[in-house]
Amino acid sequence: MIFSTKLATAVHILLYVEEYEDEEKITSEVLADSTGVNAVNIRKILASLKQAKIITVKPGVGGTYLAMKPEDITLQKIFEAVEETDPHLFRMHEHPNINCPVGKTINSVLSGRLDTIKNNMLKDMAQVRLSDIYSDMKSQLDEN
């Protein structure tokens, strides 16, 4: 299963903001340099994070800031802010042969299980906070 890079990029952005918001003006160009992602795509992710009220962006002079404490920002919240909002994480094929026993039942027997997997993933993501990831980052930096 492959998701887009938006979640990882958004977490990178938020970690950078947490680390440097008091030291420098954080712009999409600064974040593009840090992430290696085009500034246009960074601005799209910033807009999604802003809409989710995870960050604030100062108009005029610019600068990006966390709008919430890192311990209040979960991976689930970030994921839901930046990834597609399709209610089905897994899509079913649309035209199975209803004259086939497998084709007749595949959607009903599989969709409930896949919904459970999605819900479990989101519950797991809700347990991971930006502050946890920030602590992990700092620990790795201290080891090197």
Protein backbone atom coordinates (compact mmCIF):
# COMPACT_ATOMS: atom_id res chain seq x y z
CA MET A 1 0.00 0.00 0.00
CA ILE A 2 1.39 3.38 -0.95
CA PHE A 3 0.08 6.72 0.20
CA SER A 4 1.26 10.00 -1.21
CA THR A 5 4.22 11.77 0.39
CA LYS A 6 1.95 14.47 1.81
CA LEU A 7 1.84 12.99 5.31
CA ALA A 8 5.62 12.63 5.59
CA THR A 9 6.13 16.10 4.12
CA ALA A 10 3.56 17.61 6.49
CA VAL A 11 5.25 15.99 9.50
CA HIS A 12 8.63 17.27 8.25
CA ILE A 13 7.16 20.77 7.98
CA LEU A 14 5.66 20.64 11.46
CA LEU A 15 8.89 19.34 13.01
CA TYR A 16 10.81 22.14 11.29
CA VAL A 17 8.32 24.73 12.57
CA GLU A 18 8.55 23.33 16.10
CA GLU A 19 12.34 23.43 15.98
CA TYR A 20 12.84 26.84 14.34
CA GLU A 21 9.73 29.03 14.69
CA ASP A 22 11.39 31.16 17.37
CA GLU A 23 14.67 31.48 15.45
CA GLU A 24 13.76 32.35 11.87
CA LYS A 25 10.92 33.33 9.57
CA ILE A 26 9.66 30.07 8.13
CA THR A 27 8.49 30.47 4.55
CA SER A 28 7.53 27.98 1.86
CA GLU A 29 10.95 28.53 0.29
CA VAL A 30 12.72 27.66 3.54
CA LEU A 31 10.54 24.56 3.90
CA ALA A 32 11.11 23.59 0.26
CA ASP A 33 14.86 23.71 0.90
CA SER A 34 14.54 21.54 4.00
CA THR A 35 12.13 18.98 2.51
CA GLY A 36 13.41 18.88 -1.06
CA VAL A 37 9.80 19.41 -2.19
CA ASN A 38 8.76 22.12 -4.64
CA ALA A 39 7.61 25.33 -2.90
CA VAL A 40 4.27 25.21 -4.76
CA ASN A 41 3.54 21.81 -3.21
CA ILE A 42 4.70 23.08 0.18
CA ARG A 43 2.20 25.95 -0.06
CA LYS A 44 -0.60 23.48 -0.82
CA ILE A 45 0.29 21.42 2.24
CA LEU A 46 0.56 24.57 4.36
CA ALA A 47 -2.92 25.61 3.16
CA SER A 48 -4.31 22.23 4.23
CA LEU A 49 -2.59 22.43 7.62
CA LYS A 50 -3.87 25.97 8.08
CA GLN A 51 -7.42 24.95 7.17
CA ALA A 52 -7.18 22.19 9.79
CA LYS A 53 -6.06 24.84 12.32
CA ILE A 54 -2.75 23.05 12.93
CA ILE A 55 -0.65 26.04 11.85
CA THR A 56 -1.04 29.76 11.40
CA VAL A 57 0.62 31.82 8.72
CA LYS A 58 1.21 35.50 9.38
CA PRO A 59 -0.08 37.60 6.50
CA GLY A 60 2.15 40.27 5.02
CA VAL A 61 5.52 39.64 6.62
CA GLY A 62 4.95 35.89 6.51
CA GLY A 63 6.11 33.14 8.75
CA THR A 64 4.60 29.83 9.81
CA TYR A 65 3.77 28.92 13.40
CA LEU A 66 2.16 26.00 15.19
CA ALA A 67 -1.41 26.87 16.15
CA MET A 68 -1.57 23.95 18.58
CA LYS A 69 0.78 22.42 21.10
CA PRO A 70 2.81 19.54 19.60
CA GLU A 71 1.27 17.14 22.12
CA ASP A 72 -2.19 18.03 20.75
CA ILE A 73 -1.30 17.31 17.12
CA THR A 74 -1.75 13.64 16.23
CA LEU A 75 -0.68 11.80 13.10
CA GLN A 76 -4.37 11.17 12.48
CA LYS A 77 -5.11 14.90 12.48
CA ILE A 78 -2.20 15.56 10.10
CA PHE A 79 -3.18 12.64 7.85
CA GLU A 80 -6.78 13.80 7.64
CA ALA A 81 -5.64 17.37 6.92
CA VAL A 82 -3.37 16.56 3.99
CA GLU A 83 -4.53 13.30 2.41
CA GLU A 84 -7.58 12.79 0.24
CA THR A 85 -10.81 12.64 2.19
CA ASP A 86 -12.29 9.62 0.42
CA PRO A 87 -14.21 7.72 3.13
CA HIS A 88 -12.90 4.44 1.72
CA LEU A 89 -9.19 3.94 2.13
CA PHE A 90 -9.45 0.85 -0.04
CA ARG A 91 -11.46 1.00 -3.21
CA MET A 92 -13.43 -1.93 -4.51
CA HIS A 93 -13.56 -2.87 -8.17
CA GLU A 94 -16.79 -1.56 -9.62
CA HIS A 95 -18.09 -4.25 -11.94
CA PRO A 96 -17.63 -7.76 -10.57
CA ASN A 97 -19.62 -10.44 -12.37
CA ILE A 98 -22.75 -10.92 -10.24
CA ASN A 99 -23.32 -14.32 -11.88
CA CYS A 100 -20.11 -15.56 -10.23
CA PRO A 101 -20.29 -16.57 -6.54
CA VAL A 102 -17.10 -14.60 -5.82
CA GLY A 103 -18.15 -11.58 -7.89
CA LYS A 104 -21.59 -11.58 -6.28
CA THR A 105 -20.23 -11.39 -2.73
CA ILE A 106 -16.78 -9.79 -2.94
CA ASN A 107 -17.84 -6.25 -2.09
CA SER A 108 -19.96 -7.20 0.91
CA VAL A 109 -17.50 -9.71 2.39
CA LEU A 110 -14.41 -7.56 1.93
CA SER A 111 -15.57 -3.98 2.52
CA GLY A 112 -16.38 -4.46 6.22
CA ARG A 113 -12.98 -5.98 6.94
CA LEU A 114 -11.18 -3.24 5.03
CA ASP A 115 -13.15 -0.58 6.90
CA THR A 116 -12.03 -2.20 10.17
CA ILE A 117 -8.40 -2.08 9.01
CA LYS A 118 -8.76 1.61 8.10
CA ASN A 119 -10.36 2.43 11.46
CA ASN A 120 -7.60 0.57 13.32
CA MET A 121 -4.94 2.46 11.36
CA LEU A 122 -6.56 5.80 12.23
CA LYS A 123 -6.84 4.77 15.90
CA ASP A 124 -3.13 3.91 15.89
CA MET A 125 -2.34 7.25 14.25
CA ALA A 126 -4.36 9.03 16.93
CA GLN A 127 -1.94 7.64 19.55
CA VAL A 128 1.14 9.17 17.92
CA ARG A 129 1.69 12.84 18.64
CA LEU A 130 3.94 15.37 16.98
CA SER A 131 5.66 15.77 20.35
CA ASP A 132 6.53 12.03 20.29
CA ILE A 133 8.07 12.30 16.84
CA TYR A 134 9.91 15.48 17.85
CA SER A 135 11.37 13.65 20.87
CA ASP A 136 12.45 10.79 18.61
CA MET A 137 14.12 13.28 16.26
CA LYS A 138 15.99 14.97 19.12
CA SER A 139 17.13 11.59 20.49
CA GLN A 140 18.53 10.59 17.12
CA LEU A 141 20.32 13.91 16.77
CA ASP A 142 21.83 13.48 20.24
CA GLU A 143 23.12 10.02 19.28
CA ASN A 144 24.97 11.39 16.27
